[in-house]
N, C-alpha and C. Protein backbone atom coordinates (compact mmCIF):
# COMPACT_ATOMS: atom_id res chain seq x y z
N MET A 1 7.14 16.85 5.18
CA MET A 1 7.24 15.77 4.22
C MET A 1 7.26 14.44 5.01
N TRP A 2 6.54 13.47 4.48
CA TRP A 2 6.45 12.15 5.12
C TRP A 2 7.70 11.33 4.80
N PRO A 3 8.08 10.40 5.67
CA PRO A 3 9.29 9.59 5.44
C PRO A 3 9.28 8.86 4.09
N LEU A 4 8.14 8.36 3.66
CA LEU A 4 8.10 7.69 2.36
C LEU A 4 8.42 8.66 1.23
N GLU A 5 7.92 9.88 1.34
CA GLU A 5 8.21 10.88 0.31
C GLU A 5 9.70 11.22 0.30
N THR A 6 10.29 11.34 1.47
CA THR A 6 11.72 11.62 1.58
C THR A 6 12.53 10.52 0.92
N ALA A 7 12.15 9.28 1.17
CA ALA A 7 12.87 8.14 0.58
C ALA A 7 12.74 8.14 -0.95
N LEU A 8 11.54 8.38 -1.44
CA LEU A 8 11.33 8.40 -2.89
C LEU A 8 12.10 9.54 -3.55
N ASP A 9 12.12 10.69 -2.89
CA ASP A 9 12.89 11.81 -3.43
C ASP A 9 14.38 11.49 -3.45
N ALA A 10 14.85 10.80 -2.43
CA ALA A 10 16.28 10.47 -2.34
C ALA A 10 16.71 9.53 -3.45
N ILE A 11 15.84 8.61 -3.82
CA ILE A 11 16.21 7.66 -4.88
C ILE A 11 15.65 8.08 -6.24
N LYS A 12 15.02 9.24 -6.27
CA LYS A 12 14.51 9.84 -7.51
C LYS A 12 13.55 8.92 -8.27
N VAL A 13 12.52 8.49 -7.56
CA VAL A 13 11.48 7.65 -8.15
C VAL A 13 10.18 8.44 -8.17
N GLU A 14 9.49 8.41 -9.29
CA GLU A 14 8.21 9.08 -9.41
C GLU A 14 7.14 8.30 -8.64
N ARG A 15 6.30 9.00 -7.93
CA ARG A 15 5.24 8.35 -7.15
C ARG A 15 4.31 7.50 -8.02
N ALA A 16 4.11 7.91 -9.25
CA ALA A 16 3.23 7.16 -10.15
C ALA A 16 3.79 5.78 -10.46
N GLU A 17 5.08 5.58 -10.24
CA GLU A 17 5.72 4.29 -10.51
C GLU A 17 5.71 3.37 -9.30
N VAL A 18 5.21 3.85 -8.17
CA VAL A 18 5.34 3.13 -6.91
C VAL A 18 3.99 2.58 -6.44
N VAL A 19 4.03 1.35 -5.95
CA VAL A 19 2.90 0.76 -5.24
C VAL A 19 3.46 0.28 -3.90
N PHE A 20 2.95 0.82 -2.83
CA PHE A 20 3.39 0.44 -1.49
C PHE A 20 2.60 -0.79 -1.04
N VAL A 21 3.29 -1.79 -0.53
CA VAL A 21 2.65 -3.00 -0.02
C VAL A 21 2.86 -3.04 1.48
N GLY A 22 1.76 -3.18 2.21
CA GLY A 22 1.87 -3.21 3.67
C GLY A 22 0.88 -4.16 4.30
N ASP A 23 1.06 -4.39 5.60
CA ASP A 23 0.16 -5.31 6.30
C ASP A 23 -0.41 -4.72 7.58
N SER A 24 -0.39 -3.37 7.66
CA SER A 24 -0.97 -2.72 8.84
C SER A 24 -1.73 -1.48 8.40
N ARG A 25 -2.61 -1.03 9.29
CA ARG A 25 -3.36 0.20 9.01
C ARG A 25 -2.41 1.39 8.82
N THR A 26 -1.36 1.43 9.64
CA THR A 26 -0.41 2.54 9.53
C THR A 26 0.33 2.52 8.20
N ASP A 27 0.55 1.33 7.63
CA ASP A 27 1.15 1.24 6.30
C ASP A 27 0.24 1.90 5.26
N VAL A 28 -1.04 1.58 5.33
CA VAL A 28 -2.00 2.17 4.38
C VAL A 28 -2.08 3.68 4.58
N GLU A 29 -2.14 4.12 5.81
CA GLU A 29 -2.22 5.55 6.09
C GLU A 29 -0.97 6.28 5.59
N ALA A 30 0.20 5.69 5.80
CA ALA A 30 1.44 6.31 5.33
C ALA A 30 1.46 6.41 3.81
N ALA A 31 1.02 5.36 3.15
CA ALA A 31 0.97 5.39 1.68
C ALA A 31 0.03 6.48 1.20
N LYS A 32 -1.13 6.56 1.78
CA LYS A 32 -2.12 7.56 1.37
C LYS A 32 -1.61 8.98 1.62
N LYS A 33 -0.98 9.21 2.77
CA LYS A 33 -0.44 10.54 3.08
C LYS A 33 0.68 10.93 2.13
N SER A 34 1.36 9.93 1.59
CA SER A 34 2.45 10.17 0.65
C SER A 34 1.99 10.12 -0.80
N HIS A 35 0.68 10.02 -1.00
CA HIS A 35 0.09 9.99 -2.35
C HIS A 35 0.58 8.81 -3.17
N LEU A 36 0.65 7.64 -2.53
CA LEU A 36 1.05 6.41 -3.20
C LEU A 36 -0.11 5.45 -3.27
N ARG A 37 -0.13 4.64 -4.32
CA ARG A 37 -1.10 3.54 -4.37
C ARG A 37 -0.65 2.50 -3.36
N CYS A 38 -1.62 1.77 -2.81
CA CYS A 38 -1.30 0.85 -1.74
C CYS A 38 -2.05 -0.47 -1.88
N VAL A 39 -1.31 -1.57 -1.74
CA VAL A 39 -1.90 -2.90 -1.64
C VAL A 39 -1.70 -3.37 -0.21
N ALA A 40 -2.78 -3.78 0.42
CA ALA A 40 -2.72 -4.23 1.81
C ALA A 40 -2.84 -5.76 1.87
N LEU A 41 -2.03 -6.35 2.70
CA LEU A 41 -2.04 -7.80 2.90
C LEU A 41 -2.87 -8.13 4.13
N ALA A 42 -4.06 -8.67 3.89
CA ALA A 42 -4.98 -9.04 4.98
C ALA A 42 -4.67 -10.46 5.42
N ASN A 43 -3.57 -10.62 6.15
CA ASN A 43 -3.10 -11.94 6.53
C ASN A 43 -3.66 -12.43 7.87
N LYS A 44 -4.56 -11.66 8.47
CA LYS A 44 -5.18 -12.06 9.73
C LYS A 44 -6.65 -11.66 9.71
N ALA A 45 -7.43 -12.36 10.51
CA ALA A 45 -8.88 -12.09 10.57
C ALA A 45 -9.13 -10.63 10.94
N GLY A 46 -10.11 -10.02 10.28
CA GLY A 46 -10.51 -8.67 10.58
C GLY A 46 -9.75 -7.58 9.85
N LYS A 47 -8.65 -7.93 9.22
CA LYS A 47 -7.85 -6.89 8.56
C LYS A 47 -8.50 -6.35 7.29
N ARG A 48 -9.23 -7.17 6.56
CA ARG A 48 -9.84 -6.71 5.30
C ARG A 48 -10.73 -5.49 5.55
N ALA A 49 -11.61 -5.57 6.52
CA ALA A 49 -12.51 -4.45 6.81
C ALA A 49 -11.72 -3.22 7.25
N MET A 50 -10.68 -3.42 8.03
CA MET A 50 -9.86 -2.30 8.48
C MET A 50 -9.18 -1.62 7.29
N PHE A 51 -8.66 -2.42 6.35
CA PHE A 51 -7.99 -1.85 5.19
C PHE A 51 -8.97 -1.16 4.25
N GLU A 52 -10.16 -1.70 4.12
CA GLU A 52 -11.18 -1.04 3.31
C GLU A 52 -11.48 0.34 3.89
N ALA A 53 -11.64 0.40 5.21
CA ALA A 53 -11.93 1.67 5.88
C ALA A 53 -10.77 2.65 5.74
N ALA A 54 -9.55 2.15 5.71
CA ALA A 54 -8.37 3.01 5.61
C ALA A 54 -8.12 3.50 4.19
N GLY A 55 -8.79 2.89 3.20
CA GLY A 55 -8.68 3.36 1.83
C GLY A 55 -7.63 2.68 0.98
N ALA A 56 -7.27 1.44 1.32
CA ALA A 56 -6.31 0.71 0.48
C ALA A 56 -6.84 0.60 -0.94
N ASP A 57 -5.95 0.70 -1.91
CA ASP A 57 -6.35 0.60 -3.31
C ASP A 57 -6.69 -0.83 -3.70
N ALA A 58 -6.04 -1.78 -3.06
CA ALA A 58 -6.32 -3.20 -3.28
C ALA A 58 -5.99 -3.94 -1.99
N ILE A 59 -6.66 -5.07 -1.81
CA ILE A 59 -6.43 -5.89 -0.62
C ILE A 59 -6.26 -7.33 -1.09
N VAL A 60 -5.21 -7.97 -0.63
CA VAL A 60 -4.99 -9.38 -0.95
C VAL A 60 -4.96 -10.18 0.35
N ASP A 61 -5.33 -11.45 0.23
CA ASP A 61 -5.35 -12.31 1.41
C ASP A 61 -4.05 -13.06 1.62
N ASP A 62 -3.27 -13.20 0.56
CA ASP A 62 -1.98 -13.89 0.69
C ASP A 62 -1.04 -13.40 -0.41
N MET A 63 0.20 -13.75 -0.28
CA MET A 63 1.22 -13.26 -1.21
C MET A 63 1.02 -13.80 -2.62
N ASP A 64 0.34 -14.92 -2.75
CA ASP A 64 0.08 -15.46 -4.09
C ASP A 64 -0.80 -14.52 -4.92
N GLU A 65 -1.62 -13.73 -4.28
CA GLU A 65 -2.51 -12.80 -4.97
C GLU A 65 -1.83 -11.48 -5.31
N LEU A 66 -0.65 -11.25 -4.75
CA LEU A 66 0.00 -9.95 -4.87
C LEU A 66 0.33 -9.59 -6.32
N ARG A 67 0.90 -10.48 -7.06
CA ARG A 67 1.29 -10.17 -8.45
C ARG A 67 0.08 -9.72 -9.26
N GLU A 68 -0.99 -10.46 -9.18
CA GLU A 68 -2.20 -10.12 -9.92
C GLU A 68 -2.71 -8.74 -9.52
N SER A 69 -2.69 -8.46 -8.24
CA SER A 69 -3.16 -7.16 -7.75
C SER A 69 -2.26 -6.03 -8.27
N LEU A 70 -0.97 -6.23 -8.25
CA LEU A 70 -0.04 -5.21 -8.74
C LEU A 70 -0.23 -4.94 -10.23
N GLU A 71 -0.44 -5.99 -10.98
CA GLU A 71 -0.67 -5.83 -12.42
C GLU A 71 -1.96 -5.08 -12.70
N ALA A 72 -2.96 -5.23 -11.84
CA ALA A 72 -4.24 -4.55 -12.03
C ALA A 72 -4.15 -3.06 -11.73
N LEU A 73 -3.20 -2.69 -10.88
CA LEU A 73 -3.06 -1.28 -10.53
C LEU A 73 -2.24 -0.59 -11.61
C-alpha cells in the first residue's frame, strides 16, 4: 500500500473525494499509484511537459488557476 493510501484509510476518506495537488513528477506519480486525481502546479519552466507525460489530470501555472481546475474535476 502506498503512503497516500495509508493516510486516506487512516482518516477514512474515499479516494473519489480527493484531488491531490503537487508540484513535482513524484507527486503526480504518487497520486496515480494511489488511484487519485491529480492537479500539478507547473510553477517553473519545463514542468508542464513533464506533468503531461506523467499523466496529471490537470495542470495549472499558478495558484490562481487552482480553484477553477478543482471545480472542473
